[in-house]
C-alpha atoms as a PDB file:
ATOM      1  CA  MET A   1       0.245  -0.109  -0.039  1.00  0.00           C
ATOM      2  CA  THR A   2       1.627   3.652  -0.840  1.00  0.00           C
ATOM      3  CA  LEU A   3       0.736   6.338   0.956  1.00  0.00           C
ATOM      4  CA  TYR A   4      -1.780   8.222  -1.337  1.00  0.00           C
ATOM      5  CA  GLN A   5      -3.850   4.968  -1.984  1.00  0.00           C
ATOM      6  CA  ASN A   6      -7.288   5.497  -3.608  1.00  0.00           C
ATOM      7  CA  TRP A   7      -8.962   7.004  -0.706  1.00  0.00           C
ATOM      8  CA  GLU A   8     -12.155   7.804  -2.651  1.00  0.00           C
ATOM      9  CA  MET A   9     -13.615   4.199  -2.569  1.00  0.00           C
ATOM     10  CA  VAL A  10     -13.439   4.414   1.238  1.00  0.00           C
ATOM     11  CA  GLU A  11     -16.411   7.443   0.772  1.00  0.00           C
ATOM     12  CA  HIS A  12     -18.830   4.288  -0.485  1.00  0.00           C
ATOM     13  CA  ARG A  13     -18.818   2.612   3.216  1.00  0.00           C
ATOM     14  CA  GLN A  14     -21.288   3.667   5.678  1.00  0.00           C
ATOM     15  CA  ALA A  15     -20.409   6.122   8.197  1.00  0.00           C
ATOM     16  CA  VAL A  16     -18.397   4.400  11.311  1.00  0.00           C
ATOM     17  CA  THR A  17     -20.125   3.257  14.160  1.00  0.00           C
ATOM     18  CA  GLU A  18     -18.948   3.824  17.602  1.00  0.00           C
ATOM     19  CA  ALA A  19     -18.788   0.042  18.564  1.00  0.00           C
ATOM     20  CA  GLU A  20     -16.585  -0.230  15.384  1.00  0.00           C
ATOM     21  CA  LEU A  21     -14.134   2.443  16.635  1.00  0.00           C
ATOM     22  CA  TRP A  22     -13.969   1.062  19.986  1.00  0.00           C
ATOM     23  CA  GLN A  23     -13.142  -2.452  18.548  1.00  0.00           C
ATOM     24  CA  LEU A  24     -10.529  -1.039  16.577  1.00  0.00           C
ATOM     25  CA  ASP A  25      -8.889   0.727  19.544  1.00  0.00           C
ATOM     26  CA  SER A  26      -9.308  -2.373  21.896  1.00  0.00           C
ATOM     27  CA  SER A  27      -5.615  -2.873  21.630  1.00  0.00           C
ATOM     28  CA  SER A  28      -3.993   0.433  21.366  1.00  0.00           C
ATOM     29  CA  HIS A  29      -2.235   1.643  24.449  1.00  0.00           C
ATOM     30  CA  ASP A  30      -0.851   4.843  24.915  1.00  0.00           C
ATOM     31  CA  ASN A  31       1.666   3.714  27.351  1.00  0.00           C
ATOM     32  CA  SER A  32       5.101   3.740  25.659  1.00  0.00           C
ATOM     33  CA  PHE A  33       7.930   5.435  26.939  1.00  0.00           C
ATOM     34  CA  TYR A  34       8.507   7.583  23.817  1.00  0.00           C
ATOM     35  CA  ARG A  35       4.677   8.921  23.783  1.00  0.00           C
ATOM     36  CA  ARG A  36       4.471   9.392  27.913  1.00  0.00           C
ATOM     37  CA  ARG A  37       8.012  11.488  28.088  1.00  0.00           C
ATOM     38  CA  VAL A  38      10.324  11.636  25.020  1.00  0.00           C
ATOM     39  CA  LYS A  39       7.771  12.901  22.780  1.00  0.00           C
ATOM     40  CA  ARG A  40       6.820  15.946  25.133  1.00  0.00           C
ATOM     41  CA  VAL A  41      10.973  16.707  25.033  1.00  0.00           C
ATOM     42  CA  VAL A  42      10.994  16.667  21.320  1.00  0.00           C
ATOM     43  CA  ASP A  43       7.911  18.877  20.850  1.00  0.00           C
ATOM     44  CA  VAL A  44       9.324  21.278  23.145  1.00  0.00           C
ATOM     45  CA  SER A  45      12.960  21.439  22.030  1.00  0.00           C
ATOM     46  CA  LEU A  46      12.358  21.610  18.466  1.00  0.00           C
ATOM     47  CA  ALA A  47       9.594  24.285  18.756  1.00  0.00           C
ATOM     48  CA  ILE A  48      11.875  26.580  20.897  1.00  0.00           C
ATOM     49  CA  VAL A  49      14.647  26.116  17.835  1.00  0.00           C
ATOM     50  CA  MET A  50      12.007  26.629  15.138  1.00  0.00           C
ATOM     51  CA  LEU A  51      10.321  30.069  17.038  1.00  0.00           C
ATOM     52  CA  ALA A  52      14.124  31.283  16.936  1.00  0.00           C
ATOM     53  CA  VAL A  53      14.545  30.407  13.191  1.00  0.00           C
ATOM     54  CA  LEU A  54      11.337  31.413  12.070  1.00  0.00           C
ATOM     55  CA  ALA A  55      10.840  34.622  14.374  1.00  0.00           C
ATOM     56  CA  LEU A  56      11.987  37.265  11.629  1.00  0.00           C
ATOM     57  CA  PRO A  57       9.284  35.625   8.975  1.00  0.00           C
ATOM     58  CA  MET A  58       6.399  35.431  11.640  1.00  0.00           C
ATOM     59  CA  ILE A  59       7.132  39.363  12.147  1.00  0.00           C
ATOM     60  CA  ILE A  60       7.162  40.283   8.604  1.00  0.00           C
ATOM     61  CA  VAL A  61       3.580  37.985   8.250  1.00  0.00           C
ATOM     62  CA  ALA A  62       2.177  39.887  11.205  1.00  0.00           C
ATOM     63  CA  LEU A  63       3.103  43.064   9.668  1.00  0.00           C
ATOM     64  CA  LEU A  64       1.688  42.058   6.088  1.00  0.00           C
ATOM     65  CA  LEU A  65      -2.048  41.215   7.781  1.00  0.00           C
ATOM     66  CA  LEU A  66      -2.028  44.381   9.959  1.00  0.00           C
ATOM     67  CA  ILE A  67      -1.384  46.692   6.452  1.00  0.00           C
ATOM     68  CA  THR A  68      -3.768  44.360   4.506  1.00  0.00           C
ATOM     69  CA  GLN A  69      -6.214  43.153   6.808  1.00  0.00           C
ATOM     70  CA  GLY A  70      -5.810  45.104  10.143  1.00  0.00           C
ATOM     71  CA  ARG A  71      -6.485  43.841  13.582  1.00  0.00           C
ATOM     72  CA  PRO A  72      -6.847  40.932  15.054  1.00  0.00           C
ATOM     73  CA  ILE A  73      -3.843  39.421  13.313  1.00  0.00           C
ATOM     74  CA  ILE A  74      -3.962  35.884  15.293  1.00  0.00           C
ATOM     75  CA  TYR A  75      -7.226  33.637  15.101  1.00  0.00           C
ATOM     76  CA  SER A  76      -7.742  31.951  18.061  1.00  0.00           C
ATOM     77  CA  GLY A  77     -10.297  29.259  17.570  1.00  0.00           C
ATOM     78  CA  ALA A  78     -12.087  27.001  19.934  1.00  0.00           C
ATOM     79  CA  ARG A  79     -10.506  23.380  19.721  1.00  0.00           C
ATOM     80  CA  MET A  80     -10.644  20.210  22.127  1.00  0.00           C
ATOM     81  CA  LYS A  81      -7.643  18.186  23.553  1.00  0.00           C
ATOM     82  CA  ALA A  82      -9.867  15.766  25.102  1.00  0.00           C
ATOM     83  CA  PRO A  83     -13.514  15.509  25.885  1.00  0.00           C
ATOM     84  CA  GLY A  84     -14.230  18.660  28.539  1.00  0.00           C
ATOM     85  CA  GLU A  85     -10.701  20.042  27.682  1.00  0.00           C
ATOM     86  CA  PRO A  86     -11.302  22.934  25.528  1.00  0.00           C
ATOM     87  CA  PHE A  87      -7.924  25.052  24.596  1.00  0.00           C
ATOM     88  CA  LYS A  88      -7.610  27.747  22.279  1.00  0.00           C
ATOM     89  CA  GLN A  89      -5.256  26.812  18.811  1.00  0.00           C
ATOM     90  CA  PHE A  90      -3.364  29.845  17.578  1.00  0.00           C
ATOM     91  CA  LYS A  91      -3.173  30.898  13.690  1.00  0.00           C
ATOM     92  CA  PHE A  92      -2.607  33.695  11.688  1.00  0.00           C
ATOM     93  CA  ARG A  93      -6.170  34.882  10.642  1.00  0.00           C
ATOM     94  CA  THR A  94      -6.821  34.317   6.758  1.00  0.00           C
ATOM     95  CA  MET A  95     -10.332  35.130   6.658  1.00  0.00           C
ATOM     96  CA  VAL A  96     -12.710  38.099   6.744  1.00  0.00           C
ATOM     97  CA  ARG A  97     -14.074  38.369  10.245  1.00  0.00           C
ATOM     98  CA  VAL A  98     -17.965  37.978  10.645  1.00  0.00           C
ATOM     99  CA  THR A  99     -20.457  37.731  13.668  1.00  0.00           C
ATOM    100  CA  GLU A 100     -21.316  33.700  13.600  1.00  0.00           C
ATOM    101  CA  ASP A 101     -18.550  31.384  12.657  1.00  0.00           C
ATOM    102  CA  GLY A 102     -18.435  27.440  13.060  1.00  0.00           C
ATOM    103  CA  GLY A 103     -18.199  24.064  11.504  1.00  0.00           C
ATOM    104  CA  ALA A 104     -15.993  22.942   8.951  1.00  0.00           C
ATOM    105  CA  THR A 105     -14.734  25.088   5.801  1.00  0.00           C
ATOM    106  CA  GLY A 106     -16.469  24.375   2.476  1.00  0.00           C
ATOM    107  CA  ALA A 107     -16.989  26.314  -0.545  1.00  0.00           C
ATOM    108  CA  HIS A 108     -19.417  28.588   1.090  1.00  0.00           C
ATOM    109  CA  LYS A 109     -16.542  30.037   3.323  1.00  0.00           C
ATOM    110  CA  ASN A 110     -14.649  30.704  -0.046  1.00  0.00           C
ATOM    111  CA  TRP A 111     -15.401  34.444  -0.175  1.00  0.00           C
ATOM    112  CA  ARG A 112     -14.137  35.213   3.276  1.00  0.00           C
ATOM    113  CA  ILE A 113     -10.599  33.957   2.473  1.00  0.00           C
ATOM    114  CA  THR A 114      -8.270  37.204   1.859  1.00  0.00           C
ATOM    115  CA  PRO A 115      -5.874  37.001  -0.802  1.00  0.00           C
ATOM    116  CA  LEU A 116      -3.017  36.883   1.436  1.00  0.00           C
ATOM    117  CA  GLY A 117      -4.896  34.077   3.680  1.00  0.00           C
ATOM    118  CA  ARG A 118      -4.982  32.168   0.265  1.00  0.00           C
ATOM    119  CA  ILE A 119      -1.208  32.161   0.386  1.00  0.00           C
ATOM    120  CA  LEU A 120      -0.558  31.517   4.026  1.00  0.00           C
ATOM    121  CA  ARG A 121      -3.240  28.389   3.782  1.00  0.00           C
ATOM    122  CA  ARG A 122      -1.620  27.155   0.742  1.00  0.00           C
ATOM    123  CA  THR A 123       2.002  27.329   2.098  1.00  0.00           C
ATOM    124  CA  ARG A 124       0.673  26.700   5.431  1.00  0.00           C
ATOM    125  CA  LEU A 125       2.540  29.740   6.668  1.00  0.00           C
ATOM    126  CA  ASP A 126      -0.776  30.373   8.771  1.00  0.00           C
ATOM    127  CA  GLU A 127      -0.153  27.505  11.266  1.00  0.00           C
ATOM    128  CA  LEU A 128       3.118  29.182  12.557  1.00  0.00           C
ATOM    129  CA  PRO A 129       1.593  30.489  15.680  1.00  0.00           C
ATOM    130  CA  GLN A 130       0.689  26.628  17.059  1.00  0.00           C
ATOM    131  CA  LEU A 131       4.363  26.601  17.860  1.00  0.00           C
ATOM    132  CA  PHE A 132       3.148  28.589  20.874  1.00  0.00           C
ATOM    133  CA  ASN A 133       0.358  25.875  21.436  1.00  0.00           C
ATOM    134  CA  ILE A 134       3.209  23.238  21.540  1.00  0.00           C
ATOM    135  CA  LEU A 135       4.995  25.275  23.984  1.00  0.00           C
ATOM    136  CA  ILE A 136       1.878  25.583  26.177  1.00  0.00           C
ATOM    137  CA  GLY A 137       1.502  21.776  26.035  1.00  0.00           C
ATOM    138  CA  ASP A 138      -2.122  21.991  23.874  1.00  0.00           C
ATOM    139  CA  MET A 139      -0.579  20.173  20.974  1.00  0.00           C
ATOM    140  CA  SER A 140       2.093  18.408  19.360  1.00  0.00           C
ATOM    141  CA  PHE A 141       3.951  18.529  16.063  1.00  0.00           C
ATOM    142  CA  VAL A 142       2.301  15.221  15.177  1.00  0.00           C
ATOM    143  CA  GLY A 143      -1.041  14.014  16.368  1.00  0.00           C
ATOM    144  CA  PRO A 144      -4.875  14.084  15.305  1.00  0.00           C
ATOM    145  CA  ARG A 145      -5.562  17.315  13.984  1.00  0.00           C
ATOM    146  CA  PRO A 146      -7.791  18.874  17.438  1.00  0.00           C
ATOM    147  CA  PRO A 147     -11.607  18.807  16.512  1.00  0.00           C
ATOM    148  CA  LEU A 148     -14.006  21.686  17.119  1.00  0.00           C
ATOM    149  CA  PRO A 149     -15.955  21.256  20.504  1.00  0.00           C
ATOM    150  CA  GLU A 150     -19.043  20.412  18.268  1.00  0.00           C
ATOM    151  CA  TYR A 151     -17.552  17.484  16.841  1.00  0.00           C
ATOM    152  CA  VAL A 152     -16.453  16.351  20.433  1.00  0.00           C
ATOM    153  CA  ALA A 153     -20.161  16.808  21.842  1.00  0.00           C
ATOM    154  CA  ARG A 154     -21.555  14.819  19.278  1.00  0.00           C
ATOM    155  CA  PHE A 155     -19.013  11.805  19.335  1.00  0.00           C
ATOM    156  CA  PRO A 156     -17.702  11.971  22.837  1.00  0.00           C
ATOM    157  CA  SER A 157     -16.828   8.209  23.163  1.00  0.00           C
ATOM    158  CA  LEU A 158     -15.164   8.483  19.700  1.00  0.00           C
ATOM    159  CA  TYR A 159     -12.828  11.261  20.243  1.00  0.00           C
ATOM    160  CA  GLY A 160     -12.482  10.117  23.792  1.00  0.00           C
ATOM    161  CA  ALA A 161     -10.418   7.260  22.343  1.00  0.00           C
ATOM    162  CA  VAL A 162      -8.612   9.520  19.489  1.00  0.00           C
ATOM    163  CA  LEU A 163      -7.743  12.067  21.697  1.00  0.00           C
ATOM    164  CA  THR A 164      -5.870  10.125  24.211  1.00  0.00           C
ATOM    165  CA  THR A 165      -2.986  11.052  22.076  1.00  0.00           C
ATOM    166  CA  ARG A 166      -2.199  14.802  22.307  1.00  0.00           C
ATOM    167  CA  PRO A 167      -3.594  16.903  19.013  1.00  0.00           C
ATOM    168  CA  GLY A 168      -1.152  18.013  16.523  1.00  0.00           C
ATOM    169  CA  VAL A 169       0.035  20.125  13.766  1.00  0.00           C
ATOM    170  CA  THR A 170      -0.070  17.509  11.037  1.00  0.00           C
ATOM    171  CA  GLY A 171      -0.707  13.855  11.332  1.00  0.00           C
ATOM    172  CA  LEU A 172      -1.243  10.628   9.516  1.00  0.00           C
ATOM    173  CA  ALA A 173      -4.890  11.437   8.864  1.00  0.00           C
ATOM    174  CA  THR A 174      -3.943  14.993   7.639  1.00  0.00           C
ATOM    175  CA  LEU A 175      -0.971  13.623   5.676  1.00  0.00           C
ATOM    176  CA  ILE A 176      -3.011  10.780   3.894  1.00  0.00           C
ATOM    177  CA  TYR A 177      -6.397  12.246   3.656  1.00  0.00           C
ATOM    178  CA  HIS A 178      -6.372  16.148   3.152  1.00  0.00           C
ATOM    179  CA  ARG A 179      -6.323  16.455  -0.551  1.00  0.00           C
ATOM    180  CA  HIS A 180      -9.756  14.223  -0.718  1.00  0.00           C
ATOM    181  CA  GLU A 181     -11.195  16.334   2.197  1.00  0.00           C
ATOM    182  CA  ASP A 182     -10.322  19.436   0.330  1.00  0.00           C
ATOM    183  CA  ARG A 183     -11.975  18.128  -2.815  1.00  0.00           C
ATOM    184  CA  ILE A 184     -14.998  17.073  -0.962  1.00  0.00           C
ATOM    185  CA  MET A 185     -15.526  20.299   1.018  1.00  0.00           C
ATOM    186  CA  ALA A 186     -14.773  22.228  -2.281  1.00  0.00           C
ATOM    187  CA  GLY A 187     -17.897  20.901  -3.612  1.00  0.00           C
ATOM    188  CA  CYS A 188     -20.039  21.780  -0.815  1.00  0.00           C
ATOM    189  CA  LYS A 189     -22.126  25.441  -1.378  1.00  0.00           C
ATOM    190  CA  THR A 190     -23.606  25.619   1.741  1.00  0.00           C
ATOM    191  CA  ALA A 191     -22.835  25.309   5.559  1.00  0.00           C
ATOM    192  CA  GLU A 192     -25.478  22.355   6.016  1.00  0.00           C
ATOM    193  CA  GLN A 193     -23.967  20.627   2.901  1.00  0.00           C
ATOM    194  CA  THR A 194     -20.377  20.856   4.523  1.00  0.00           C
ATOM    195  CA  GLU A 195     -21.406  19.558   7.892  1.00  0.00           C
ATOM    196  CA  ARG A 196     -23.160  16.832   6.490  1.00  0.00           C
ATOM    197  CA  ALA A 197     -20.249  15.915   4.147  1.00  0.00           C
ATOM    198  CA  TYR A 198     -17.591  16.184   7.197  1.00  0.00           C
ATOM    199  CA  TYR A 199     -19.783  14.262   9.106  1.00  0.00           C
ATOM    200  CA  ALA A 200     -20.652  11.056   6.536  1.00  0.00           C
ATOM    201  CA  ARG A 201     -17.605  11.167   4.301  1.00  0.00           C
ATOM    202  CA  CYS A 202     -14.700  12.613   6.259  1.00  0.00           C
ATOM    203  CA  LEU A 203     -14.536  11.812   9.507  1.00  0.00           C
ATOM    204  CA  PRO A 204     -15.164   8.070   9.659  1.00  0.00           C
ATOM    205  CA  THR A 205     -11.906   7.431   7.452  1.00  0.00           C
ATOM    206  CA  LYS A 206     -10.243  10.030   9.500  1.00  0.00           C
ATOM    207  CA  LEU A 207     -10.998   8.539  12.663  1.00  0.00           C
ATOM    208  CA  ARG A 208      -9.678   5.298  11.424  1.00  0.00           C
ATOM    209  CA  ILE A 209      -6.591   6.750  10.058  1.00  0.00           C
ATOM    210  CA  GLU A 210      -6.043   8.397  13.645  1.00  0.00           C
ATOM    211  CA  LEU A 211      -6.285   4.949  15.382  1.00  0.00           C
ATOM    212  CA  VAL A 212      -3.942   3.272  13.138  1.00  0.00           C
ATOM    213  CA  TYR A 213      -1.567   6.396  14.136  1.00  0.00           C
ATOM    214  CA  GLN A 214      -2.148   5.663  17.990  1.00  0.00           C
ATOM    215  CA  ARG A 215      -1.013   2.100  17.542  1.00  0.00           C
ATOM    216  CA  ALA A 216       1.947   2.531  15.419  1.00  0.00           C
ATOM    217  CA  ALA A 217       3.535   6.050  16.853  1.00  0.00           C
ATOM    218  CA  SER A 218       6.939   6.172  16.889  1.00  0.00           C
ATOM    219  CA  PRO A 219       9.841   8.416  16.725  1.00  0.00           C
ATOM    220  CA  TRP A 220      10.518   7.342  13.001  1.00  0.00           C
ATOM    221  CA  LEU A 221       6.850   7.575  12.229  1.00  0.00           C
ATOM    222  CA  ASP A 222       6.651  11.129  13.460  1.00  0.00           C
ATOM    223  CA  ALA A 223       9.793  11.904  11.914  1.00  0.00           C
ATOM    224  CA  TRP A 224       8.585  10.644   8.466  1.00  0.00           C
ATOM    225  CA  ILE A 225       5.118  12.325   8.973  1.00  0.00           C
ATOM    226  CA  MET A 226       6.682  15.445   9.942  1.00  0.00           C
ATOM    227  CA  TRP A 227       9.387  15.159   6.653  1.00  0.00           C
ATOM    228  CA  LYS A 228       6.250  14.176   3.981  1.00  0.00           C
ATOM    229  CA  THR A 229       4.344  17.139   5.338  1.00  0.00           C
ATOM    230  CA  PHE A 230       7.610  19.283   4.694  1.00  0.00           C
ATOM    231  CA  LEU A 231       7.770  17.859   1.226  1.00  0.00           C
ATOM    232  CA  ALA A 232       4.225  18.689   0.644  1.00  0.00           C
ATOM    233  CA  LEU A 233       4.770  22.258   0.898  1.00  0.00           C
ATOM    234  CA  ILE A 234       7.166  22.400  -1.715  1.00  0.00           C
ATOM    235  CA  PRO A 235       5.764  23.012  -5.211  1.00  0.00           C
ATOM    236  CA  GLY A 236       6.483  19.663  -7.682  1.00  0.00           C
ATOM    237  CA  PHE A 237       6.945  17.367  -4.355  1.00  0.00           C
ATOM    238  CA  ASP A 238       3.062  17.660  -3.431  1.00  0.00           C
ATOM    239  CA  ARG A 239       1.608  15.018  -5.811  1.00  0.00           C
ATOM    240  CA  PRO A 240       0.685  11.855  -5.112  1.00  0.00           C
ATOM    241  CA  ARG A 241       2.592   8.973  -6.471  1.00  0.00           C
ATOM    242  CA  LYS A 242       1.613   7.543  -9.564  1.00  0.00           C
ATOM    243  CA  LYS A 243       0.518   3.615  -9.294  1.00  0.00           C
ATOM    244  CA  ARG A 244       2.974   1.440 -11.124  1.00  0.00           C
ATOM    245  CA  GLY A 245       0.379  -0.530 -13.172  1.00  0.00           C
ATOM    246  CA  SER A 246      -1.397   2.788 -15.041  1.00  0.00           C
ATOM    247  CA  GLU A 247       2.109   4.013 -15.275  1.00  0.00           C
ATOM    248  CA  ALA A 248       3.087   0.913 -17.173  1.00  0.00           C
ATOM    249  CA  THR A 249      -0.031   1.062 -19.189  1.00  0.00           C
ATOM    250  CA  ARG A 250       0.373   4.094 -20.070  1.00  0.00           C
ATOM    251  CA  GLN A 251       4.052   3.486 -20.894  1.00  0.00           C
ATOM    252  CA  ARG A 252       2.819   0.528 -23.118  1.00  0.00           C
ATOM    253  CA  SER A 253       0.172   2.239 -25.158  1.00  0.00           C
ATOM    254  CA  ARG A 254       3.032   5.218 -26.513  1.00  0.00           C
ATOM    255  CA  ARG A 255       5.269   2.458 -27.925  1.00  0.00           C
ATOM    256  CA  PRO A 256       4.796   2.155 -31.718  1.00  0.00           C
ATOM    257  CA  GLY A 257       2.487  -0.559 -33.077  1.00  0.00           C
ATOM    258  CA  SER A 258       1.378  -1.211 -29.512  1.00  0.00           C
ATOM    259  CA  ALA A 259      -2.705  -2.622 -29.493  1.00  0.00           C
ATOM    260  CA  PRO A 260      -5.016  -0.293 -28.074  1.00  0.00           C
ATOM    261  CA  SER A 261      -5.896  -1.118 -24.260  1.00  0.00           C
ATOM    262  CA  LYS A 262      -9.671  -2.585 -24.426  1.00  0.00           C
END
């Protein structure tokens, strides 16, 4: 199985049930020495180094936001690190402010994304302030993406299992599934369509992947996820690998005198 497999097929399954997820999680234990001790030390050390290196770029981004969008520069959204444990997730603000906001981001919110915000989102520079979330202890570099409070309220036992791992800036589900989720969300023209698509099509798959990460978490897997996330930000490296069979078929079809495929 390659990293970018055909996740489009997953959407045809029924939404995951709580019983199924608890069965999947029955053998997972978040008690390894790496996850209990070492990972937090690595997070804090790396966050300090990155803040020292990226302080100037963050100041430049903040000044550009202040000039082009005004205040506030930082968006602090309510997220959950465990059932009953909310926190404020920090990002550079990329949207026009509105009175009521919430739910997943779909096509119905595209009008709110500012020109500078689109660049920040595409390069993920908007997530640099989450380095402070890591230092505070609300987040890790690698883990499940922190959910909105309404998602945890709707599925408390599911997120109770997933959020035994500290939420992360990136993670296995983010790395594998974000392209397909973006395509699904891009087709949702209303908030209702977005929520329905997220609950029925995106959330079941993402939770399964997060439980896979829980059982396989290691320093090597975390380093691999972070490296792949970094490569995904570089133009030309963010494309999924092509399947060998389909590539071989295309090569045969280009050979002179080759028979057309049926």
